[in-house]
Amino acid sequence: MASKISVLLVDDHSLVRKGFRRILDDDTELTVVGEASDGTEAVTKAQELKPQVIVMDMAMPGLNGMQASIEILKILPKTAILMLSMYSEENYVRNALEAGAKGYILKNAMDIDLANAIKQVASRQRVIAPGLLSSTPLPADDSDKLTNREKQILQLIAEGKSNKEIAVLLNLSVNTVSVHRANLMEALGIHRTAELVLYAVRKGLVHIP
């Protein structure tokens, strides 16, 4: 029997944590190993419990979700963080991804599937709830600047893969992947990984559940 995915719930509202725990307790593939009510406690609990996934509220008093995520990932870089937020503006999504979050979903969405989102980030997939990205289309010919190999690498970057993981998947050297990555960023006029992810989502190069 496969081991369960360990989850730490972080939210400053106890009723929200209880509600999410009730949902997750019904899933046989997940186990909630702890809860935290603020960012500082989240860092402490993460060090103590070493969960595979942290469901992190973005807006909390004191140390907020993004700040806590940065601190946690310094210590536990393999932990997947799923950011829950009331904010649907694109800059919040961008900031969360830059802080290291693997996913970003709206906590007040009626169709939220928290259990599935947790499983996806646990398997290193990127999860961004639909409707969070700008409806303004990118220039139609942007992707035409890229080679097929660069498009492959772009998709894998958007899925959260590291240069080393991409190198293994595509049977390339890490240095070659780094060169391709630099080339596609230059071609698109993009300088940050989070912006690459948003580009890939808008172009349909990465699946959004």
C-alpha atoms as a PDB file:
ATOM      1  CA  MET A   1       0.000   0.000   0.000  1.00  0.00           C
ATOM      2  CA  ALA A   2       1.410   3.412  -0.994  1.00  0.00           C
ATOM      3  CA  SER A   3       2.213   5.794   1.844  1.00  0.00           C
ATOM      4  CA  LYS A   4      -0.150   8.698   2.359  1.00  0.00           C
ATOM      5  CA  ILE A   5       0.754  12.254   1.394  1.00  0.00           C
ATOM      6  CA  SER A   6       1.455  14.213   4.578  1.00  0.00           C
ATOM      7  CA  VAL A   7      -0.163  17.654   4.750  1.00  0.00           C
ATOM      8  CA  LEU A   8       0.275  20.678   7.011  1.00  0.00           C
ATOM      9  CA  LEU A   9      -2.662  23.115   7.089  1.00  0.00           C
ATOM     10  CA  VAL A  10      -1.840  26.790   7.657  1.00  0.00           C
ATOM     11  CA  ASP A  11      -4.617  29.365   8.141  1.00  0.00           C
ATOM     12  CA  ASP A  12      -5.284  31.976  10.799  1.00  0.00           C
ATOM     13  CA  HIS A  13      -8.967  30.994  10.989  1.00  0.00           C
ATOM     14  CA  SER A  14      -9.597  27.812  12.976  1.00  0.00           C
ATOM     15  CA  LEU A  15     -12.946  27.179  11.267  1.00  0.00           C
ATOM     16  CA  VAL A  16     -11.245  27.199   7.871  1.00  0.00           C
ATOM     17  CA  ARG A  17      -8.633  24.697   9.080  1.00  0.00           C
ATOM     18  CA  LYS A  18     -11.326  22.464  10.541  1.00  0.00           C
ATOM     19  CA  GLY A  19     -13.306  22.586   7.314  1.00  0.00           C
ATOM     20  CA  PHE A  20     -10.304  21.675   5.186  1.00  0.00           C
ATOM     21  CA  ARG A  21      -9.282  18.924   7.608  1.00  0.00           C
ATOM     22  CA  ARG A  22     -12.751  17.417   7.395  1.00  0.00           C
ATOM     23  CA  ILE A  23     -12.493  17.347   3.599  1.00  0.00           C
ATOM     24  CA  LEU A  24      -9.005  15.853   3.584  1.00  0.00           C
ATOM     25  CA  ASP A  25      -9.741  13.265   6.280  1.00  0.00           C
ATOM     26  CA  ASP A  26     -12.192  11.663   3.850  1.00  0.00           C
ATOM     27  CA  ASP A  27      -9.404  11.012   1.331  1.00  0.00           C
ATOM     28  CA  THR A  28      -7.499   7.777   1.902  1.00  0.00           C
ATOM     29  CA  GLU A  29      -4.418   9.071   0.064  1.00  0.00           C
ATOM     30  CA  LEU A  30      -3.894  12.062   2.359  1.00  0.00           C
ATOM     31  CA  THR A  31      -3.104  12.547   6.035  1.00  0.00           C
ATOM     32  CA  VAL A  32      -3.158  15.872   7.874  1.00  0.00           C
ATOM     33  CA  VAL A  33      -0.138  15.778  10.197  1.00  0.00           C
ATOM     34  CA  GLY A  34      -0.582  19.203  11.747  1.00  0.00           C
ATOM     35  CA  GLU A  35      -2.024  22.703  11.706  1.00  0.00           C
ATOM     36  CA  ALA A  36      -0.616  26.195  12.155  1.00  0.00           C
ATOM     37  CA  SER A  37      -2.430  29.476  12.751  1.00  0.00           C
ATOM     38  CA  ASP A  38       0.194  31.888  11.405  1.00  0.00           C
ATOM     39  CA  GLY A  39       3.354  32.047   9.331  1.00  0.00           C
ATOM     40  CA  THR A  40       5.767  31.841  12.249  1.00  0.00           C
ATOM     41  CA  GLU A  41       4.075  28.729  13.611  1.00  0.00           C
ATOM     42  CA  ALA A  42       4.032  27.297  10.084  1.00  0.00           C
ATOM     43  CA  VAL A  43       7.826  27.540   9.851  1.00  0.00           C
ATOM     44  CA  THR A  44       8.211  25.814  13.227  1.00  0.00           C
ATOM     45  CA  LYS A  45       5.687  23.071  12.433  1.00  0.00           C
ATOM     46  CA  ALA A  46       7.216  22.481   8.995  1.00  0.00           C
ATOM     47  CA  GLN A  47      10.652  21.930  10.546  1.00  0.00           C
ATOM     48  CA  GLU A  48       9.157  19.577  13.122  1.00  0.00           C
ATOM     49  CA  LEU A  49       6.777  17.570  10.914  1.00  0.00           C
ATOM     50  CA  LYS A  50       8.481  17.788   7.487  1.00  0.00           C
ATOM     51  CA  PRO A  51       5.209  17.478   5.514  1.00  0.00           C
ATOM     52  CA  GLN A  52       5.213  16.697   1.810  1.00  0.00           C
ATOM     53  CA  VAL A  53       2.651  19.433   1.127  1.00  0.00           C
ATOM     54  CA  ILE A  54       1.798  22.642   2.966  1.00  0.00           C
ATOM     55  CA  VAL A  55      -1.577  24.242   2.297  1.00  0.00           C
ATOM     56  CA  MET A  56      -0.700  27.868   2.984  1.00  0.00           C
ATOM     57  CA  ASP A  57      -3.065  30.791   3.494  1.00  0.00           C
ATOM     58  CA  MET A  58      -1.584  33.866   1.835  1.00  0.00           C
ATOM     59  CA  ALA A  59      -2.959  36.621   4.090  1.00  0.00           C
ATOM     60  CA  MET A  60      -2.110  36.152   7.773  1.00  0.00           C
ATOM     61  CA  PRO A  61      -1.071  38.567  10.525  1.00  0.00           C
ATOM     62  CA  GLY A  62       2.646  38.823  11.209  1.00  0.00           C
ATOM     63  CA  LEU A  63       4.576  36.548   8.870  1.00  0.00           C
ATOM     64  CA  ASN A  64       2.329  36.145   5.814  1.00  0.00           C
ATOM     65  CA  GLY A  65       2.035  33.099   3.592  1.00  0.00           C
ATOM     66  CA  MET A  66       4.604  34.176   1.012  1.00  0.00           C
ATOM     67  CA  GLN A  67       7.175  35.128   3.636  1.00  0.00           C
ATOM     68  CA  ALA A  68       6.608  31.852   5.477  1.00  0.00           C
ATOM     69  CA  SER A  69       6.948  29.907   2.221  1.00  0.00           C
ATOM     70  CA  ILE A  70      10.319  31.505   1.491  1.00  0.00           C
ATOM     71  CA  GLU A  71      11.583  30.623   4.980  1.00  0.00           C
ATOM     72  CA  ILE A  72      10.285  27.053   4.810  1.00  0.00           C
ATOM     73  CA  LEU A  73      11.760  26.359   1.382  1.00  0.00           C
ATOM     74  CA  LYS A  74      15.189  27.468   2.596  1.00  0.00           C
ATOM     75  CA  ILE A  75      15.045  24.596   5.081  1.00  0.00           C
ATOM     76  CA  LEU A  76      12.846  22.091   3.227  1.00  0.00           C
ATOM     77  CA  PRO A  77      13.331  22.762  -0.501  1.00  0.00           C
ATOM     78  CA  LYS A  78      11.447  19.617  -1.548  1.00  0.00           C
ATOM     79  CA  THR A  79       8.257  20.581   0.270  1.00  0.00           C
ATOM     80  CA  ALA A  80       5.425  21.488  -2.109  1.00  0.00           C
ATOM     81  CA  ILE A  81       3.479  24.590  -1.112  1.00  0.00           C
ATOM     82  CA  LEU A  82      -0.087  25.111  -2.290  1.00  0.00           C
ATOM     83  CA  MET A  83      -1.084  28.741  -1.793  1.00  0.00           C
ATOM     84  CA  LEU A  84      -4.691  29.496  -0.869  1.00  0.00           C
ATOM     85  CA  SER A  85      -5.804  33.056  -1.391  1.00  0.00           C
ATOM     86  CA  MET A  86      -8.779  35.364  -1.614  1.00  0.00           C
ATOM     87  CA  TYR A  87      -6.883  37.437  -4.192  1.00  0.00           C
ATOM     88  CA  SER A  88      -7.442  36.728  -7.881  1.00  0.00           C
ATOM     89  CA  GLU A  89      -5.180  39.462  -9.288  1.00  0.00           C
ATOM     90  CA  GLU A  90      -2.345  38.214 -11.472  1.00  0.00           C
ATOM     91  CA  ASN A  91       0.386  39.959  -9.485  1.00  0.00           C
ATOM     92  CA  TYR A  92      -0.506  37.844  -6.442  1.00  0.00           C
ATOM     93  CA  VAL A  93      -0.171  34.667  -8.512  1.00  0.00           C
ATOM     94  CA  ARG A  94       3.176  35.861  -9.841  1.00  0.00           C
ATOM     95  CA  ASN A  95       4.461  36.733  -6.369  1.00  0.00           C
ATOM     96  CA  ALA A  96       3.382  33.376  -4.951  1.00  0.00           C
ATOM     97  CA  LEU A  97       5.174  31.471  -7.706  1.00  0.00           C
ATOM     98  CA  GLU A  98       8.287  33.567  -7.214  1.00  0.00           C
ATOM     99  CA  ALA A  99       8.148  32.736  -3.504  1.00  0.00           C
ATOM    100  CA  GLY A 100       8.340  29.064  -4.473  1.00  0.00           C
ATOM    101  CA  ALA A 101       4.706  27.941  -4.364  1.00  0.00           C
ATOM    102  CA  LYS A 102       3.820  24.999  -6.608  1.00  0.00           C
ATOM    103  CA  GLY A 103       0.173  25.975  -6.807  1.00  0.00           C
ATOM    104  CA  TYR A 104      -2.248  28.861  -6.350  1.00  0.00           C
ATOM    105  CA  ILE A 105      -5.983  28.402  -5.860  1.00  0.00           C
ATOM    106  CA  LEU A 106      -8.791  30.598  -4.564  1.00  0.00           C
ATOM    107  CA  LYS A 107     -10.022  29.552  -1.138  1.00  0.00           C
ATOM    108  CA  ASN A 108     -13.519  30.927  -1.793  1.00  0.00           C
ATOM    109  CA  ALA A 109     -14.020  29.165  -5.141  1.00  0.00           C
ATOM    110  CA  MET A 110     -17.197  27.090  -5.229  1.00  0.00           C
ATOM    111  CA  ASP A 111     -15.576  24.343  -7.299  1.00  0.00           C
ATOM    112  CA  ILE A 112     -12.366  24.044  -5.287  1.00  0.00           C
ATOM    113  CA  ASP A 113     -10.946  20.501  -5.311  1.00  0.00           C
ATOM    114  CA  LEU A 114      -8.391  20.806  -2.551  1.00  0.00           C
ATOM    115  CA  ALA A 115      -7.549  17.107  -2.301  1.00  0.00           C
ATOM    116  CA  ASN A 116      -6.778  16.809  -6.000  1.00  0.00           C
ATOM    117  CA  ALA A 117      -4.715  20.009  -5.978  1.00  0.00           C
ATOM    118  CA  ILE A 118      -2.649  18.648  -3.080  1.00  0.00           C
ATOM    119  CA  LYS A 119      -1.998  15.402  -4.946  1.00  0.00           C
ATOM    120  CA  GLN A 120      -0.896  17.302  -8.026  1.00  0.00           C
ATOM    121  CA  VAL A 121       1.604  19.549  -6.265  1.00  0.00           C
ATOM    122  CA  ALA A 122       2.871  16.517  -4.335  1.00  0.00           C
ATOM    123  CA  SER A 123       3.735  14.934  -7.690  1.00  0.00           C
ATOM    124  CA  ARG A 124       5.597  18.145  -8.672  1.00  0.00           C
ATOM    125  CA  GLN A 125       2.894  19.422 -11.011  1.00  0.00           C
ATOM    126  CA  ARG A 126       2.081  23.097 -11.084  1.00  0.00           C
ATOM    127  CA  VAL A 127      -1.540  23.957 -10.196  1.00  0.00           C
ATOM    128  CA  ILE A 128      -3.030  27.349 -11.039  1.00  0.00           C
ATOM    129  CA  ALA A 129      -6.779  27.760 -10.711  1.00  0.00           C
ATOM    130  CA  PRO A 130      -8.527  28.791 -13.932  1.00  0.00           C
ATOM    131  CA  GLY A 131      -9.537  32.402 -14.324  1.00  0.00           C
ATOM    132  CA  LEU A 132      -6.591  33.825 -12.399  1.00  0.00           C
ATOM    133  CA  LEU A 133      -4.530  34.941 -15.357  1.00  0.00           C
ATOM    134  CA  SER A 134      -4.897  38.040 -17.469  1.00  0.00           C
ATOM    135  CA  SER A 135      -7.269  37.735 -20.388  1.00  0.00           C
ATOM    136  CA  THR A 136      -5.038  40.018 -22.440  1.00  0.00           C
ATOM    137  CA  PRO A 137      -3.518  37.779 -25.117  1.00  0.00           C
ATOM    138  CA  LEU A 138       0.182  37.738 -25.814  1.00  0.00           C
ATOM    139  CA  PRO A 139       1.326  38.604 -29.339  1.00  0.00           C
ATOM    140  CA  ALA A 140       0.421  35.729 -31.628  1.00  0.00           C
ATOM    141  CA  ASP A 141       3.890  35.300 -33.061  1.00  0.00           C
ATOM    142  CA  ASP A 142       5.768  35.105 -29.724  1.00  0.00           C
ATOM    143  CA  SER A 143       5.864  31.321 -29.623  1.00  0.00           C
ATOM    144  CA  ASP A 144       6.964  31.193 -33.259  1.00  0.00           C
ATOM    145  CA  LYS A 145      10.312  32.563 -32.106  1.00  0.00           C
ATOM    146  CA  LEU A 146      10.959  29.333 -30.212  1.00  0.00           C
ATOM    147  CA  THR A 147      12.389  26.074 -31.497  1.00  0.00           C
ATOM    148  CA  ASN A 148      10.514  22.840 -30.799  1.00  0.00           C
ATOM    149  CA  ARG A 149      13.129  21.964 -28.178  1.00  0.00           C
ATOM    150  CA  GLU A 150      12.657  25.318 -26.448  1.00  0.00           C
ATOM    151  CA  LYS A 151       8.892  24.771 -26.423  1.00  0.00           C
ATOM    152  CA  GLN A 152       9.453  21.375 -24.778  1.00  0.00           C
ATOM    153  CA  ILE A 153      11.688  22.945 -22.162  1.00  0.00           C
ATOM    154  CA  LEU A 154       9.217  25.791 -21.594  1.00  0.00           C
ATOM    155  CA  GLN A 155       6.433  23.330 -20.895  1.00  0.00           C
ATOM    156  CA  LEU A 156       8.579  21.389 -18.419  1.00  0.00           C
ATOM    157  CA  ILE A 157       9.627  24.594 -16.652  1.00  0.00           C
ATOM    158  CA  ALA A 158       5.954  25.515 -16.332  1.00  0.00           C
ATOM    159  CA  GLU A 159       5.314  22.106 -14.790  1.00  0.00           C
ATOM    160  CA  GLY A 160       7.838  22.943 -12.093  1.00  0.00           C
ATOM    161  CA  LYS A 161      10.741  20.818 -13.327  1.00  0.00           C
ATOM    162  CA  SER A 162      14.310  21.824 -12.467  1.00  0.00           C
ATOM    163  CA  ASN A 163      17.087  22.043 -15.071  1.00  0.00           C
ATOM    164  CA  LYS A 164      18.416  18.700 -13.829  1.00  0.00           C
ATOM    165  CA  GLU A 165      15.016  17.011 -14.120  1.00  0.00           C
ATOM    166  CA  ILE A 166      14.520  18.451 -17.614  1.00  0.00           C
ATOM    167  CA  ALA A 167      17.963  17.223 -18.645  1.00  0.00           C
ATOM    168  CA  VAL A 168      17.081  13.672 -17.576  1.00  0.00           C
ATOM    169  CA  LEU A 169      13.661  13.733 -19.261  1.00  0.00           C
ATOM    170  CA  LEU A 170      15.017  15.050 -22.579  1.00  0.00           C
ATOM    171  CA  ASN A 171      18.342  13.188 -22.451  1.00  0.00           C
ATOM    172  CA  LEU A 172      20.340  16.425 -22.510  1.00  0.00           C
ATOM    173  CA  SER A 173      23.133  17.827 -20.380  1.00  0.00           C
ATOM    174  CA  VAL A 174      22.202  20.284 -17.645  1.00  0.00           C
ATOM    175  CA  ASN A 175      24.363  22.889 -19.378  1.00  0.00           C
ATOM    176  CA  THR A 176      22.429  22.432 -22.640  1.00  0.00           C
ATOM    177  CA  VAL A 177      19.134  22.902 -20.801  1.00  0.00           C
ATOM    178  CA  SER A 178      20.500  26.071 -19.194  1.00  0.00           C
ATOM    179  CA  VAL A 179      21.469  27.447 -22.605  1.00  0.00           C
ATOM    180  CA  HIS A 180      18.030  26.661 -24.076  1.00  0.00           C
ATOM    181  CA  ARG A 181      16.380  28.262 -21.057  1.00  0.00           C
ATOM    182  CA  ALA A 182      18.435  31.443 -21.485  1.00  0.00           C
ATOM    183  CA  ASN A 183      17.681  31.530 -25.215  1.00  0.00           C
ATOM    184  CA  LEU A 184      13.919  31.228 -24.792  1.00  0.00           C
ATOM    185  CA  MET A 185      13.864  33.887 -22.073  1.00  0.00           C
ATOM    186  CA  GLU A 186      15.765  36.240 -24.362  1.00  0.00           C
ATOM    187  CA  ALA A 187      13.490  35.453 -27.316  1.00  0.00           C
ATOM    188  CA  LEU A 188      10.369  36.198 -25.267  1.00  0.00           C
ATOM    189  CA  GLY A 189      11.795  39.168 -23.398  1.00  0.00           C
ATOM    190  CA  ILE A 190      11.100  37.378 -20.116  1.00  0.00           C
ATOM    191  CA  HIS A 191      13.517  37.458 -17.200  1.00  0.00           C
ATOM    192  CA  ARG A 192      11.809  35.529 -14.404  1.00  0.00           C
ATOM    193  CA  THR A 193      10.619  31.935 -14.087  1.00  0.00           C
ATOM    194  CA  ALA A 194       7.192  33.009 -12.812  1.00  0.00           C
ATOM    195  CA  GLU A 195       6.644  35.014 -15.997  1.00  0.00           C
ATOM    196  CA  LEU A 196       7.631  31.976 -18.066  1.00  0.00           C
ATOM    197  CA  VAL A 197       5.013  29.940 -16.216  1.00  0.00           C
ATOM    198  CA  LEU A 198       2.322  32.536 -16.882  1.00  0.00           C
ATOM    199  CA  TYR A 199       3.321  32.654 -20.550  1.00  0.00           C
ATOM    200  CA  ALA A 200       3.096  28.861 -20.828  1.00  0.00           C
ATOM    201  CA  VAL A 201      -0.340  28.819 -19.198  1.00  0.00           C
ATOM    202  CA  ARG A 202      -1.711  31.485 -21.533  1.00  0.00           C
ATOM    203  CA  LYS A 203      -0.322  29.631 -24.545  1.00  0.00           C
ATOM    204  CA  GLY A 204      -1.866  26.339 -23.432  1.00  0.00           C
ATOM    205  CA  LEU A 205       1.520  24.685 -22.937  1.00  0.00           C
ATOM    206  CA  VAL A 206       0.685  23.461 -19.448  1.00  0.00           C
ATOM    207  CA  HIS A 207      -2.462  21.780 -18.164  1.00  0.00           C
ATOM    208  CA  ILE A 208      -4.517  23.639 -15.568  1.00  0.00           C
ATOM    209  CA  PRO A 209      -7.036  21.443 -13.733  1.00  0.00           C
END
